[in-house]
């Protein structure tokens, strides 16, 4: 990912100073296609996920587990559920 500073320097070199894409690429040490992408966007595009993160498989059971843990607070220590027993 290139910095905002590089974006501004490349855009200035091409738009204000009139440098072509190939010369700007040589000057900044990047490919001319990268220069074209930099000129297309004013700021670096952020990271985008291809798909939203999957929900945990445990998600539907969370209310039940919370209820078991709340109930365990009211009983004596010997009768409480262990983590292995809950899962």
C-alpha atoms as a PDB file:
ATOM      1  CA  UNK A   1       0.000   0.000   0.000  1.00  0.00           C
ATOM      2  CA  UNK A   2       1.378   3.365  -0.969  1.00  0.00           C
ATOM      3  CA  UNK A   3       1.327   6.354   1.352  1.00  0.00           C
ATOM      4  CA  UNK A   4      -0.779   9.467   0.957  1.00  0.00           C
ATOM      5  CA  UNK A   5       2.476  11.400   0.580  1.00  0.00           C
ATOM      6  CA  UNK A   6       3.445   9.365  -2.494  1.00  0.00           C
ATOM      7  CA  UNK A   7      -0.046   9.866  -3.923  1.00  0.00           C
ATOM      8  CA  UNK A   8       0.246  13.626  -3.562  1.00  0.00           C
ATOM      9  CA  UNK A   9       3.787  13.757  -5.017  1.00  0.00           C
ATOM     10  CA  UNK A  10       2.821  11.646  -8.048  1.00  0.00           C
ATOM     11  CA  UNK A  11      -0.367  13.632  -8.649  1.00  0.00           C
ATOM     12  CA  UNK A  12       1.551  16.908  -8.395  1.00  0.00           C
ATOM     13  CA  UNK A  13       4.265  15.698 -10.782  1.00  0.00           C
ATOM     14  CA  UNK A  14       1.722  14.632 -13.404  1.00  0.00           C
ATOM     15  CA  UNK A  15      -0.955  17.312 -13.065  1.00  0.00           C
ATOM     16  CA  UNK A  16       0.994  20.438 -12.085  1.00  0.00           C
ATOM     17  CA  UNK A  17       4.467  19.801 -13.490  1.00  0.00           C
ATOM     18  CA  UNK A  18       3.153  18.124 -16.655  1.00  0.00           C
ATOM     19  CA  UNK A  19       5.210  14.944 -16.314  1.00  0.00           C
ATOM     20  CA  UNK A  20       3.939  11.903 -18.226  1.00  0.00           C
ATOM     21  CA  UNK A  21       3.100   8.603 -16.490  1.00  0.00           C
ATOM     22  CA  UNK A  22       6.213   6.739 -17.607  1.00  0.00           C
ATOM     23  CA  UNK A  23       8.553   9.482 -16.414  1.00  0.00           C
ATOM     24  CA  UNK A  24       6.720   9.739 -13.088  1.00  0.00           C
ATOM     25  CA  UNK A  25       7.003   5.981 -12.679  1.00  0.00           C
ATOM     26  CA  UNK A  26      10.747   6.105 -13.253  1.00  0.00           C
ATOM     27  CA  UNK A  27      11.160   9.074 -10.895  1.00  0.00           C
ATOM     28  CA  UNK A  28       9.257   7.464  -8.003  1.00  0.00           C
ATOM     29  CA  UNK A  29      10.319   3.863  -8.695  1.00  0.00           C
ATOM     30  CA  UNK A  30       6.833   2.523  -9.437  1.00  0.00           C
ATOM     31  CA  UNK A  31       5.194   1.071 -12.534  1.00  0.00           C
ATOM     32  CA  UNK A  32       3.391   3.361 -14.982  1.00  0.00           C
ATOM     33  CA  UNK A  33       0.190   1.365 -14.434  1.00  0.00           C
ATOM     34  CA  UNK A  34       0.470   2.141 -10.729  1.00  0.00           C
ATOM     35  CA  UNK A  35       0.888   5.811 -11.621  1.00  0.00           C
ATOM     36  CA  UNK A  36      -2.316   5.587 -13.674  1.00  0.00           C
ATOM     37  CA  UNK A  37      -4.166   4.090 -10.690  1.00  0.00           C
ATOM     38  CA  UNK A  38      -2.794   6.815  -8.417  1.00  0.00           C
ATOM     39  CA  UNK A  39      -4.025   9.483 -10.825  1.00  0.00           C
ATOM     40  CA  UNK A  40      -7.432   7.807 -10.938  1.00  0.00           C
ATOM     41  CA  UNK A  41      -7.913   8.017  -7.133  1.00  0.00           C
ATOM     42  CA  UNK A  42      -7.217  11.148  -5.101  1.00  0.00           C
ATOM     43  CA  UNK A  43      -6.458   9.177  -1.913  1.00  0.00           C
ATOM     44  CA  UNK A  44      -5.330   5.566  -1.462  1.00  0.00           C
ATOM     45  CA  UNK A  45      -8.299   3.191  -1.496  1.00  0.00           C
ATOM     46  CA  UNK A  46      -8.845   1.525   1.858  1.00  0.00           C
ATOM     47  CA  UNK A  47      -8.833  -2.175   2.575  1.00  0.00           C
ATOM     48  CA  UNK A  48     -12.075  -3.888   1.558  1.00  0.00           C
ATOM     49  CA  UNK A  49     -13.093  -7.403   2.481  1.00  0.00           C
ATOM     50  CA  UNK A  50     -14.343  -9.596  -0.342  1.00  0.00           C
ATOM     51  CA  UNK A  51     -17.063 -11.004   1.903  1.00  0.00           C
ATOM     52  CA  UNK A  52     -18.225 -10.210   5.429  1.00  0.00           C
ATOM     53  CA  UNK A  53     -16.597 -12.342   8.138  1.00  0.00           C
ATOM     54  CA  UNK A  54     -18.546 -15.522   8.889  1.00  0.00           C
ATOM     55  CA  UNK A  55     -20.620 -15.655  12.035  1.00  0.00           C
ATOM     56  CA  UNK A  56     -19.374 -18.035  14.737  1.00  0.00           C
ATOM     57  CA  UNK A  57     -21.041 -21.439  14.847  1.00  0.00           C
ATOM     58  CA  UNK A  58     -21.636 -20.902  18.546  1.00  0.00           C
ATOM     59  CA  UNK A  59     -23.733 -17.786  17.896  1.00  0.00           C
ATOM     60  CA  UNK A  60     -27.206 -19.403  18.177  1.00  0.00           C
ATOM     61  CA  UNK A  61     -26.292 -20.979  21.535  1.00  0.00           C
ATOM     62  CA  UNK A  62     -24.903 -17.900  23.293  1.00  0.00           C
ATOM     63  CA  UNK A  63     -28.179 -17.013  25.073  1.00  0.00           C
ATOM     64  CA  UNK A  64     -28.477 -20.577  26.398  1.00  0.00           C
ATOM     65  CA  UNK A  65     -24.879 -20.582  27.633  1.00  0.00           C
ATOM     66  CA  UNK A  66     -25.374 -17.193  29.304  1.00  0.00           C
ATOM     67  CA  UNK A  67     -28.473 -18.527  31.055  1.00  0.00           C
ATOM     68  CA  UNK A  68     -26.599 -21.628  32.294  1.00  0.00           C
ATOM     69  CA  UNK A  69     -23.796 -19.436  33.656  1.00  0.00           C
ATOM     70  CA  UNK A  70     -26.266 -17.116  35.385  1.00  0.00           C
ATOM     71  CA  UNK A  71     -28.020 -20.103  36.957  1.00  0.00           C
ATOM     72  CA  UNK A  72     -24.670 -21.478  38.119  1.00  0.00           C
ATOM     73  CA  UNK A  73     -24.059 -18.320  40.162  1.00  0.00           C
ATOM     74  CA  UNK A  74     -26.988 -19.258  42.397  1.00  0.00           C
ATOM     75  CA  UNK A  75     -25.937 -22.846  43.202  1.00  0.00           C
ATOM     76  CA  UNK A  76     -23.129 -24.187  45.367  1.00  0.00           C
ATOM     77  CA  UNK A  77     -19.686 -24.610  43.846  1.00  0.00           C
ATOM     78  CA  UNK A  78     -19.857 -28.409  43.531  1.00  0.00           C
ATOM     79  CA  UNK A  79     -23.018 -28.232  41.393  1.00  0.00           C
ATOM     80  CA  UNK A  80     -21.768 -25.689  38.863  1.00  0.00           C
ATOM     81  CA  UNK A  81     -21.144 -26.603  35.236  1.00  0.00           C
ATOM     82  CA  UNK A  82     -17.608 -26.904  33.916  1.00  0.00           C
ATOM     83  CA  UNK A  83     -16.579 -25.483  30.553  1.00  0.00           C
ATOM     84  CA  UNK A  84     -16.364 -29.018  29.164  1.00  0.00           C
ATOM     85  CA  UNK A  85     -19.875 -29.779  30.364  1.00  0.00           C
ATOM     86  CA  UNK A  86     -21.345 -26.610  28.835  1.00  0.00           C
ATOM     87  CA  UNK A  87     -19.809 -27.247  25.430  1.00  0.00           C
END
